[in-house]
Structure formats: C-alpha cells, structure tokens
C-alpha cells in the first residue's frame, strides 16, 4: 500500500509534474541560486505571459519582482517551467517565497498563443513605497537596462 512496484518509494514522495510560471529570481538561466534549483527539476520550458504588473523590491544589493493584478491590458513576461517536484520540493519553494507571496492557479499564454493552466506566486502584502514599477513587465530586461543585480 502506497509503494510503487519496483521502486520501493511511497506515493507521497513520488515526483509530480507542476507547471509553474516564473517571472523573477526563479527563472532558470537567470544566474540566481533558486533559478538553478528550479533548472535542476526542469522537464520543459516555454516563454509565456500572464495578466499583471510588476514592482521591483530591493533586498540587500539585489532586486526581486512582486506580481500584482493588472489594471488593464498589462502583461508580465516570464517562463512556464514544467517541473518534476516532490511534495517536499513544493513545500521548500513555498517557504522560500515566504509570507509575502501566495501560490495561486492562473492561466498563462504561451508564445504559440495557447492558454496553459499554471501556478504562480502573487504578491500579497503592502508594496514598499520606494518600489519602482517595472515597465513592460519583464524583470530580466529591467535588470539589464539598469545594470541591476537580481536578489540571490
């Protein structure tokens, strides 16, 4: 009961597929430790957008984005990562994101214009007053344009 034939592991620790839309420091290839952590669990990756707007939050010598509801046609650019995740992996990711974020189910639009059900982290507390808007909804482009560093 609860054991997969031939593997000796229980269902509770079997990796599951998760489609996670990432738009900041979790993006694979972004040069952050958590982006590398996500990349190690990657099955597939696809550029995409979701409705919303971004604000930049400064932490130490780096920045991270906060995803807020759209006020019109605003879009956030990011990546749909299909991940192989255990329940412990997902719990770790939720702890990393902390109380400022909440993981929710949403719909993303892929580059090929398909709508894809994803999970993503949305900001859920007051935005610090000195947090600039990220025009165009692209955190990586915003970092490059201002020669800024991502929080890591």
Protein backbone atom coordinates (compact mmCIF):
# COMPACT_ATOMS: atom_id res chain seq x y z
CA UNK A 1 0.00 0.00 0.00
CA UNK A 2 1.48 3.37 -1.04
CA UNK A 3 4.50 1.71 -2.68
CA UNK A 4 5.29 1.85 -6.36
CA UNK A 5 6.21 -1.52 -7.85
CA UNK A 6 9.93 -2.00 -8.13
CA UNK A 7 10.97 1.39 -6.74
CA UNK A 8 10.48 0.95 -3.01
CA UNK A 9 9.26 4.55 -2.72
CA UNK A 10 5.89 5.66 -1.47
CA UNK A 11 3.41 7.72 -3.46
CA UNK A 12 3.92 10.63 -1.05
CA UNK A 13 7.48 11.18 -2.30
CA UNK A 14 6.93 10.44 -5.98
CA UNK A 15 7.70 13.48 -8.11
CA UNK A 16 4.69 15.07 -9.79
CA UNK A 17 4.55 17.39 -12.76
CA UNK A 18 3.92 21.01 -11.93
CA UNK A 19 3.56 23.86 -14.40
CA UNK A 20 4.96 26.92 -12.67
CA UNK A 21 5.04 30.37 -14.27
CA UNK A 22 8.19 32.15 -13.10
CA UNK A 23 9.00 35.79 -13.81
CA UNK A 24 11.85 36.74 -11.48
CA UNK A 25 14.61 35.13 -9.45
CA UNK A 26 13.17 31.62 -10.00
CA UNK A 27 13.76 31.77 -13.77
CA UNK A 28 16.26 29.17 -14.94
CA UNK A 29 19.33 30.73 -16.52
CA UNK A 30 18.93 33.95 -14.55
CA UNK A 31 22.09 33.49 -12.54
CA UNK A 32 20.45 33.00 -9.14
CA UNK A 33 20.74 30.00 -6.82
CA UNK A 34 16.96 29.48 -6.85
CA UNK A 35 16.89 29.68 -10.65
CA UNK A 36 19.48 26.89 -10.65
CA UNK A 37 17.35 24.94 -8.15
CA UNK A 38 14.35 25.22 -10.49
CA UNK A 39 16.51 24.27 -13.50
CA UNK A 40 17.55 21.03 -11.77
CA UNK A 41 13.86 19.95 -11.75
CA UNK A 42 13.05 21.13 -15.26
CA UNK A 43 11.23 18.90 -17.74
CA UNK A 44 10.21 21.57 -20.25
CA UNK A 45 10.37 25.34 -20.58
CA UNK A 46 8.36 27.83 -22.65
CA UNK A 47 8.22 31.65 -22.75
CA UNK A 48 4.80 33.00 -21.76
CA UNK A 49 2.86 35.93 -20.33
CA UNK A 50 0.22 36.39 -17.65
CA UNK A 51 -2.01 39.38 -16.94
CA UNK A 52 -0.42 41.57 -14.29
CA UNK A 53 2.14 44.21 -13.48
CA UNK A 54 5.47 44.09 -11.68
CA UNK A 55 7.04 46.24 -9.00
CA UNK A 56 10.70 45.89 -8.01
CA UNK A 57 11.58 45.22 -4.38
CA UNK A 58 15.12 45.93 -3.17
CA UNK A 59 16.72 43.46 -0.76
CA UNK A 60 20.36 43.99 0.19
CA UNK A 61 22.31 44.57 -3.02
CA UNK A 62 19.73 42.89 -5.27
CA UNK A 63 16.17 43.14 -6.57
CA UNK A 64 13.20 40.81 -6.91
CA UNK A 65 9.79 41.39 -8.51
CA UNK A 66 6.33 41.47 -6.98
CA UNK A 67 3.47 40.40 -9.26
CA UNK A 68 0.32 42.48 -8.80
CA UNK A 69 -3.07 42.40 -10.55
CA UNK A 70 -3.27 44.11 -13.94
CA UNK A 71 -5.00 47.47 -14.23
CA UNK A 72 -5.92 46.95 -17.86
CA UNK A 73 -4.09 45.05 -20.56
CA UNK A 74 -0.76 44.84 -18.72
CA UNK A 75 1.21 41.62 -19.14
CA UNK A 76 4.09 40.08 -17.22
CA UNK A 77 6.70 38.21 -19.24
CA UNK A 78 8.19 35.05 -17.87
CA UNK A 79 8.57 31.36 -18.37
CA UNK A 80 6.34 28.33 -17.94
CA UNK A 81 8.50 25.69 -16.32
CA UNK A 82 7.18 22.16 -16.30
CA UNK A 83 8.89 20.74 -13.25
CA UNK A 84 9.34 17.37 -11.61
CA UNK A 85 8.52 18.22 -7.98
CA UNK A 86 8.07 16.16 -4.83
CA UNK A 87 5.75 17.45 -2.11
CA UNK A 88 8.90 18.33 -0.12
CA UNK A 89 10.22 20.36 -3.09
CA UNK A 90 6.96 22.29 -3.32
CA UNK A 91 6.93 22.93 0.44
CA UNK A 92 10.53 24.20 0.20
CA UNK A 93 9.61 26.55 -2.64
CA UNK A 94 6.61 27.90 -0.71
CA UNK A 95 8.85 28.53 2.32
CA UNK A 96 11.44 30.26 0.14
CA UNK A 97 8.80 32.60 -1.29
CA UNK A 98 7.67 33.37 2.24
CA UNK A 99 4.62 35.13 3.59
CA UNK A 100 4.80 37.98 1.06
CA UNK A 101 3.76 35.65 -1.75
CA UNK A 102 0.88 33.24 -2.24
CA UNK A 103 0.91 30.44 -4.83
CA UNK A 104 -2.25 30.52 -6.95
CA UNK A 105 -3.63 28.83 -10.07
CA UNK A 106 -3.89 31.03 -13.15
CA UNK A 107 -3.84 30.85 -16.92
CA UNK A 108 -0.73 31.81 -18.91
CA UNK A 109 -0.46 32.44 -22.63
CA UNK A 110 2.41 30.70 -24.38
CA UNK A 111 4.40 32.21 -27.22
CA UNK A 112 2.34 29.98 -29.54
CA UNK A 113 -0.79 31.71 -28.11
CA UNK A 114 -2.04 28.62 -26.25
CA UNK A 115 -3.64 29.12 -22.84
CA UNK A 116 -1.96 26.91 -20.25
CA UNK A 117 -3.04 26.31 -16.64
CA UNK A 118 -0.15 27.21 -14.33
CA UNK A 119 0.63 28.01 -10.77
CA UNK A 120 2.47 31.20 -9.89
CA UNK A 121 3.37 33.37 -6.93
CA UNK A 122 1.49 36.65 -6.45
CA UNK A 123 2.42 39.40 -4.01
CA UNK A 124 0.03 39.59 -1.08
CA UNK A 125 1.25 42.34 1.27
CA UNK A 126 1.71 46.11 1.00
CA UNK A 127 4.31 47.19 -1.54
CA UNK A 128 7.20 49.20 -0.06
CA UNK A 129 6.82 52.87 -1.05
CA UNK A 130 10.17 53.10 -2.85
CA UNK A 131 9.47 50.11 -5.13
CA UNK A 132 9.61 51.18 -8.78
CA UNK A 133 7.25 49.87 -11.45
CA UNK A 134 8.83 47.52 -14.00
CA UNK A 135 7.66 48.94 -17.32
CA UNK A 136 6.84 46.27 -19.88
CA UNK A 137 6.52 43.55 -17.22
CA UNK A 138 9.91 41.98 -17.98
CA UNK A 139 12.06 41.67 -14.84
CA UNK A 140 15.17 40.40 -16.65
CA UNK A 141 15.04 43.23 -19.21
CA UNK A 142 14.57 45.73 -16.38
CA UNK A 143 17.65 44.36 -14.60
CA UNK A 144 19.75 44.54 -17.79
CA UNK A 145 18.60 48.05 -18.72
CA UNK A 146 19.55 49.45 -15.33
CA UNK A 147 22.61 47.24 -14.81
CA UNK A 148 21.00 45.92 -11.67
CA UNK A 149 21.50 42.61 -9.87
CA UNK A 150 18.86 40.06 -9.02
CA UNK A 151 18.47 39.15 -5.38
CA UNK A 152 20.16 35.84 -4.65
